[in-house]
Amino acid sequence: MTDNFKNLIELNDYFKEEKTCYEFLAQKIWLNGEPVCPHCGSVKVYTTKSRSNKPSKKDIPEYRCANKECAKKFTATVGTIFQASKIPLRTWYACIFLITTSKKGISSLQLAAQLGITQKTAWFINHRIREMFKETAPEMLKGIVEVDETFVGGKNKNRHANKKRNYEVDGDEKIPVLGFVERGGKLKTFVVPNTKAEILQPIMGEFVENGSLIISDSHRGYSGLDANYNHVSIKHNADDFKTVGQFHTNNIENFWSTFKRGIIGIYHQVSPKHLHRYTTEFTYRYNNRKEVSVIKFSDAVGQAGNATLPYQKLIGKDKPVS
């Protein structure tokens, strides 16, 4: 059904009606497209006839849970990142296509201009899409794994008083991000408070299989990895900035280069509290780099049920649970 989506125009031509968008979403989030109640998980549901007064909503499939203790109505968007959104799925799909196929990302200003929505709406949509990129069942990396860290942001001394950060960070007071990539495989990134061994190594222990060959630079935060891994440390300095056979960190460094160009050239500045979503976005694109555009889009829609992100939670003003 999606084989012909080679570009945004073809995507929009296919998803002309909201009904088509909802049916596509159902096929992606439910096994064989058969509805499952998002409230109780029951597969015993029946189709209802929509009573919406809005013409655009009348043909959208609506269901009711047959479980008497639940008996709630729902559509395919309930329990997904699209829940309660007033933006048509057609617009959402265009956003997803653009963000998954733009190597360095696409800003909310660009999205707003191209899709005829406000910048605030585009910013919210962008972050919700990033939220659904999160891995729900991460796999352990193994074999040859390259590890490195980078820093994002500027110095506190150059900021206004109300913009200064209270983070515990290294070096020039930028925010550190840890990354490691399996040769020919997947990448993982983590925003961390600092680059000390007690922070970096437990993360690696959780996501890198024991006995793997880990290649890093000579940063002291990696000292001691040889207790559980085959660890090779490369000295990156003016006299010895070379690769010797398989012992290099070129792949992770190339990723950081793309990431930095995206942050500086596309997004320009990133709030510390949202940085982890930007790293998730770039990680998703890297991990799907070998796929064609339609698969990147289709797989992303299939992850719509992985998370929800209400606006109040996004801006940090969600109400505490009573």
Protein backbone atom coordinates (compact mmCIF):
# COMPACT_ATOMS: atom_id res chain seq x y z
CA MET A 1 0.00 0.00 0.00
CA THR A 2 2.91 2.38 0.62
CA ASP A 3 5.23 1.31 -2.21
CA ASN A 4 4.53 4.43 -4.26
CA PHE A 5 5.37 7.05 -1.61
CA LYS A 6 8.61 8.28 -3.14
CA ASN A 7 8.13 11.92 -2.16
CA LEU A 8 5.90 14.30 -0.23
CA ILE A 9 3.63 15.05 -3.20
CA GLU A 10 2.82 11.37 -3.73
CA LEU A 11 2.25 10.96 0.00
CA ASN A 12 -0.24 13.83 0.05
CA ASP A 13 -1.97 12.54 -3.08
CA TYR A 14 -2.63 9.22 -1.37
CA PHE A 15 -3.75 10.63 1.96
CA LYS A 16 -6.37 12.99 0.57
CA GLU A 17 -9.04 11.91 3.06
CA GLU A 18 -8.88 11.50 6.82
CA LYS A 19 -10.58 8.12 6.55
CA THR A 20 -7.63 6.82 4.54
CA CYS A 21 -5.24 8.20 7.17
CA TYR A 22 -7.10 6.48 10.01
CA GLU A 23 -7.24 3.17 8.15
CA PHE A 24 -3.50 3.35 7.50
CA LEU A 25 -2.81 4.08 11.17
CA ALA A 26 -4.98 1.13 12.23
CA GLN A 27 -2.98 -1.20 9.99
CA LYS A 28 0.26 0.02 11.53
CA ILE A 29 -0.60 -0.04 15.25
CA TRP A 30 -2.96 -3.05 15.43
CA LEU A 31 -2.19 -6.62 14.39
CA ASN A 32 -3.74 -7.13 10.97
CA GLY A 33 -5.55 -3.84 11.50
CA GLU A 34 -7.98 -5.45 13.95
CA PRO A 35 -8.97 -2.88 16.62
CA VAL A 36 -7.86 -3.26 20.23
CA CYS A 37 -9.38 -1.19 23.01
CA PRO A 38 -6.71 1.27 24.18
CA HIS A 39 -8.40 1.58 27.56
CA CYS A 40 -8.55 -2.07 28.69
CA GLY A 41 -6.78 -4.02 25.96
CA SER A 42 -9.83 -6.05 24.95
CA VAL A 43 -9.97 -7.35 21.38
CA LYS A 44 -13.74 -7.71 21.61
CA VAL A 45 -14.95 -4.49 20.05
CA TYR A 46 -17.55 -3.48 17.52
CA THR A 47 -17.84 -0.69 15.02
CA THR A 48 -20.16 2.21 15.77
CA LYS A 49 -21.63 4.82 13.50
CA SER A 50 -20.03 8.20 14.02
CA ARG A 51 -22.43 10.92 15.12
CA SER A 52 -20.01 13.75 14.52
CA ASN A 53 -21.48 16.90 13.00
CA LYS A 54 -18.21 17.56 11.20
CA PRO A 55 -18.22 16.22 7.62
CA SER A 56 -14.52 15.38 7.86
CA LYS A 57 -15.19 13.10 10.86
CA LYS A 58 -18.28 11.22 9.68
CA ASP A 59 -16.43 8.54 7.71
CA ILE A 60 -13.71 7.94 10.32
CA PRO A 61 -14.00 4.40 11.77
CA GLU A 62 -15.13 4.51 15.39
CA TYR A 63 -15.32 1.59 17.81
CA ARG A 64 -16.80 0.69 21.17
CA CYS A 65 -15.32 -1.81 23.59
CA ALA A 66 -17.58 -4.85 24.10
CA ASN A 67 -16.23 -5.33 27.60
CA LYS A 68 -19.14 -4.19 29.81
CA GLU A 69 -16.76 -2.93 32.49
CA CYS A 70 -15.16 -0.63 29.93
CA ALA A 71 -17.65 0.03 27.08
CA LYS A 72 -15.70 3.09 25.95
CA LYS A 73 -15.64 4.51 22.45
CA PHE A 74 -12.38 5.05 20.62
CA THR A 75 -10.75 5.59 17.24
CA ALA A 76 -7.30 4.57 16.03
CA THR A 77 -5.74 7.77 17.39
CA VAL A 78 -6.70 7.13 21.04
CA GLY A 79 -3.66 6.04 23.02
CA THR A 80 -1.26 7.29 20.35
CA ILE A 81 0.83 10.41 19.89
CA PHE A 82 -2.05 11.80 17.80
CA GLN A 83 -4.59 11.61 20.61
CA ALA A 84 -6.66 14.79 21.17
CA SER A 85 -4.88 16.59 18.35
CA LYS A 86 -6.99 18.99 16.30
CA ILE A 87 -4.49 18.80 13.45
CA PRO A 88 -5.59 16.47 10.61
CA LEU A 89 -3.66 13.22 10.32
CA ARG A 90 -2.85 14.22 6.75
CA THR A 91 -0.81 17.13 8.12
CA TRP A 92 0.77 14.91 10.78
CA TYR A 93 1.84 12.44 8.10
CA ALA A 94 3.45 15.18 6.05
CA CYS A 95 5.40 16.28 9.15
CA ILE A 96 6.53 12.72 9.87
CA PHE A 97 7.65 12.26 6.27
CA LEU A 98 9.67 15.47 6.34
CA ILE A 99 11.33 14.86 9.71
CA THR A 100 12.26 11.24 8.90
CA THR A 101 13.71 12.05 5.49
CA SER A 102 15.56 15.30 6.25
CA LYS A 103 19.12 14.28 7.14
CA LYS A 104 19.76 17.24 9.43
CA GLY A 105 16.15 17.71 10.57
CA ILE A 106 13.58 20.38 9.77
CA SER A 107 12.79 23.36 11.98
CA SER A 108 9.35 24.35 13.21
CA LEU A 109 9.61 27.54 11.13
CA GLN A 110 10.17 25.50 7.98
CA LEU A 111 7.32 23.13 8.81
CA ALA A 112 4.96 26.00 9.54
CA ALA A 113 5.75 27.66 6.21
CA GLN A 114 5.45 24.48 4.16
CA LEU A 115 2.30 23.07 5.76
CA GLY A 116 0.29 26.19 6.55
CA ILE A 117 0.25 25.83 10.34
CA THR A 118 1.53 28.10 13.09
CA GLN A 119 5.12 27.89 14.30
CA LYS A 120 3.87 26.97 17.79
CA THR A 121 1.85 24.08 16.39
CA ALA A 122 4.77 22.91 14.25
CA TRP A 123 7.10 23.03 17.28
CA PHE A 124 4.65 20.92 19.30
CA ILE A 125 4.20 18.40 16.48
CA ASN A 126 7.97 18.11 16.01
CA HIS A 127 8.49 17.24 19.67
CA ARG A 128 5.65 14.73 19.74
CA ILE A 129 7.11 12.98 16.71
CA ARG A 130 10.51 12.86 18.43
CA GLU A 131 8.81 11.33 21.47
CA MET A 132 7.48 8.41 19.45
CA PHE A 133 10.97 7.70 18.09
CA LYS A 134 12.07 6.40 21.49
CA GLU A 135 13.00 2.73 21.63
CA THR A 136 10.62 0.64 23.70
CA ALA A 137 12.62 -2.59 23.59
CA PRO A 138 16.27 -1.64 23.04
CA GLU A 139 18.66 -4.35 21.93
CA MET A 140 22.13 -4.92 23.34
CA LEU A 141 24.97 -3.81 21.08
CA LYS A 142 27.77 -6.29 20.45
CA GLY A 143 30.77 -7.00 18.26
CA ILE A 144 32.81 -3.87 17.57
CA VAL A 145 31.35 -0.85 19.36
CA GLU A 146 32.68 2.69 19.01
CA VAL A 147 32.05 5.09 21.89
CA ASP A 148 32.53 8.83 22.14
CA GLU A 149 31.00 11.90 23.76
CA THR A 150 30.23 15.37 22.47
CA PHE A 151 29.08 18.64 24.03
CA VAL A 152 26.15 20.85 23.08
CA GLY A 153 25.52 24.49 23.99
CA GLY A 154 27.55 27.50 25.05
CA LYS A 155 29.32 28.83 28.10
CA ASN A 156 27.33 30.06 31.07
CA LYS A 157 29.41 33.25 31.29
CA ASN A 158 28.05 34.32 27.90
CA ARG A 159 24.41 33.96 28.98
CA HIS A 160 21.99 36.30 30.68
CA ALA A 161 21.48 35.61 34.38
CA ASN A 162 18.06 33.98 33.86
CA LYS A 163 19.49 31.67 31.19
CA LYS A 164 22.41 30.27 33.18
CA ARG A 165 22.37 26.52 33.63
CA ASN A 166 22.63 24.68 36.91
CA TYR A 167 23.88 21.49 35.30
CA GLU A 168 26.95 19.62 36.50
CA VAL A 169 28.91 19.53 33.26
CA ASP A 170 32.50 19.18 32.14
CA GLY A 171 35.00 21.43 30.44
CA ASP A 172 33.49 24.60 29.02
CA GLU A 173 30.08 24.13 30.65
CA LYS A 174 28.35 22.62 27.65
CA ILE A 175 25.90 19.73 28.00
CA PRO A 176 27.54 16.34 27.39
CA VAL A 177 25.96 13.63 25.23
CA LEU A 178 27.23 10.04 25.22
CA GLY A 179 27.01 7.96 22.07
CA PHE A 180 28.04 4.49 21.03
CA VAL A 181 27.48 2.64 17.78
CA GLU A 182 27.80 -0.97 16.73
CA ARG A 183 29.81 -1.35 13.54
CA GLY A 184 27.25 -1.82 10.76
CA GLY A 185 24.48 -1.71 13.34
CA LYS A 186 22.59 0.62 15.62
CA LEU A 187 23.49 3.76 17.49
CA LYS A 188 22.46 4.85 20.99
CA THR A 189 22.72 8.32 22.53
CA PHE A 190 22.22 9.61 26.06
CA VAL A 191 22.23 13.12 27.52
CA VAL A 192 24.33 12.83 30.68
CA PRO A 193 25.12 15.15 33.62
CA ASN A 194 28.88 14.69 33.21
CA THR A 195 31.43 12.41 31.54
CA LYS A 196 32.84 10.73 34.60
CA ALA A 197 33.32 6.98 34.67
CA GLU A 198 30.58 6.45 37.26
CA ILE A 199 28.08 8.00 34.82
CA LEU A 200 29.26 6.62 31.47
CA GLN A 201 30.18 3.05 32.31
CA PRO A 202 26.89 1.90 33.93
CA ILE A 203 25.07 3.06 30.78
CA MET A 204 27.45 1.08 28.62
CA GLY A 205 27.08 -1.91 30.90
CA GLU A 206 23.32 -1.83 30.36
CA PHE A 207 23.39 -1.55 26.58
CA VAL A 208 26.65 -3.16 25.39
CA GLU A 209 27.11 -6.92 25.63
CA ASN A 210 29.99 -8.13 27.83
CA GLY A 211 33.03 -9.26 25.86
CA SER A 212 32.44 -6.84 23.00
CA LEU A 213 35.33 -4.89 21.50
CA ILE A 214 34.93 -1.26 22.61
CA ILE A 215 36.97 1.43 20.89
CA SER A 216 37.16 4.84 22.51
CA ASP A 217 39.46 7.83 22.77
CA SER A 218 41.75 8.22 25.77
CA HIS A 219 39.21 10.06 27.95
CA ARG A 220 39.62 8.89 31.54
CA GLY A 221 35.87 8.23 31.83
CA TYR A 222 36.48 5.04 29.84
CA SER A 223 39.31 3.84 32.05
CA GLY A 224 38.49 0.43 33.51
CA LEU A 225 36.27 -0.83 30.70
CA ASP A 226 38.70 -3.70 30.16
CA ALA A 227 37.18 -5.42 33.19
CA ASN A 228 34.17 -6.47 31.10
CA TYR A 229 35.17 -5.67 27.52
CA ASN A 230 38.05 -5.85 25.09
CA HIS A 231 38.89 -2.16 25.29
CA VAL A 232 41.09 -0.29 22.82
CA SER A 233 41.89 3.35 23.56
CA ILE A 234 42.89 5.60 20.66
CA LYS A 235 44.97 8.67 21.42
CA HIS A 236 43.63 11.61 19.44
CA ASN A 237 46.33 14.25 19.42
CA ALA A 238 48.38 16.21 16.94
CA ASP A 239 51.01 13.48 16.65
CA ASP A 240 48.75 10.43 16.59
CA PHE A 241 45.41 11.15 14.89
CA LYS A 242 45.36 8.08 12.69
CA THR A 243 43.32 4.93 12.27
CA VAL A 244 45.01 1.57 12.55
CA GLY A 245 42.95 -1.14 10.85
CA GLN A 246 39.65 -1.55 12.65
CA PHE A 247 40.74 0.54 15.62
CA HIS A 248 39.07 3.88 14.99
CA THR A 249 36.00 5.85 16.05
CA ASN A 250 35.17 7.31 12.63
CA ASN A 251 31.54 6.17 12.62
CA ILE A 252 30.49 7.79 15.87
CA GLU A 253 32.50 10.92 15.04
CA ASN A 254 30.75 11.17 11.66
CA PHE A 255 27.41 10.97 13.44
CA TRP A 256 28.42 13.77 15.81
CA SER A 257 29.38 15.86 12.79
CA THR A 258 25.91 15.45 11.25
CA PHE A 259 24.26 16.06 14.62
CA LYS A 260 26.20 19.27 15.23
CA ARG A 261 25.49 20.58 11.72
CA GLY A 262 21.80 19.93 12.31
CA ILE A 263 21.73 21.63 15.70
CA ILE A 264 23.71 24.65 14.54
CA GLY A 265 22.44 24.97 10.97
CA ILE A 266 18.78 23.92 11.29
CA TYR A 267 17.68 24.39 14.89
CA HIS A 268 20.28 27.05 15.82
CA GLN A 269 19.71 26.62 19.56
CA VAL A 270 18.32 23.83 21.70
CA SER A 271 16.83 24.06 25.17
CA PRO A 272 18.64 21.77 27.65
CA LYS A 273 15.34 20.23 28.81
CA HIS A 274 14.49 19.19 25.25
CA LEU A 275 17.96 18.11 24.12
CA HIS A 276 17.23 14.42 24.71
CA ARG A 277 14.41 14.56 22.13
CA TYR A 278 16.72 16.04 19.51
CA THR A 279 19.27 13.29 20.11
CA THR A 280 16.43 10.75 19.77
CA GLU A 281 15.45 12.28 16.42
CA PHE A 282 18.98 12.08 14.99
CA THR A 283 19.45 8.58 16.42
CA TYR A 284 16.26 7.36 14.74
CA ARG A 285 17.35 8.67 11.36
CA TYR A 286 20.81 7.12 11.74
CA ASN A 287 19.37 3.74 12.71
CA ASN A 288 17.10 3.81 9.64
CA ARG A 289 19.68 5.29 7.28
CA LYS A 290 19.64 2.27 4.96
CA GLU A 291 15.87 2.32 4.49
CA VAL A 292 14.04 4.07 1.66
CA SER A 293 11.88 7.08 2.49
CA VAL A 294 8.59 5.21 2.51
CA ILE A 295 9.84 2.65 5.04
CA LYS A 296 11.18 5.39 7.32
CA PHE A 297 7.76 7.03 7.23
CA SER A 298 5.76 3.82 7.59
CA ASP A 299 7.82 2.48 10.49
CA ALA A 300 7.55 5.83 12.27
CA VAL A 301 3.74 5.79 12.04
CA GLY A 302 3.85 2.27 13.46
CA GLN A 303 5.50 3.67 16.59
CA ALA A 304 2.72 6.20 17.20
CA GLY A 305 1.36 4.11 20.07
CA ASN A 306 4.68 4.08 21.95
CA ALA A 307 4.12 7.35 23.80
CA THR A 308 1.90 10.35 24.36
CA LEU A 309 3.10 13.86 25.09
CA PRO A 310 0.51 16.40 26.27
CA TYR A 311 1.45 20.04 25.73
CA GLN A 312 1.54 20.85 29.45
CA LYS A 313 4.00 18.03 30.04
CA LEU A 314 6.15 19.17 27.13
CA ILE A 315 6.53 22.69 28.52
CA GLY A 316 7.00 21.37 32.05
CA LYS A 317 3.74 22.61 33.54
CA ASP A 318 1.81 19.37 33.89
CA LYS A 319 -0.22 19.00 37.06
CA PRO A 320 1.17 16.71 39.77
CA VAL A 321 -0.64 13.43 40.35
CA SER A 322 -2.90 13.73 43.40
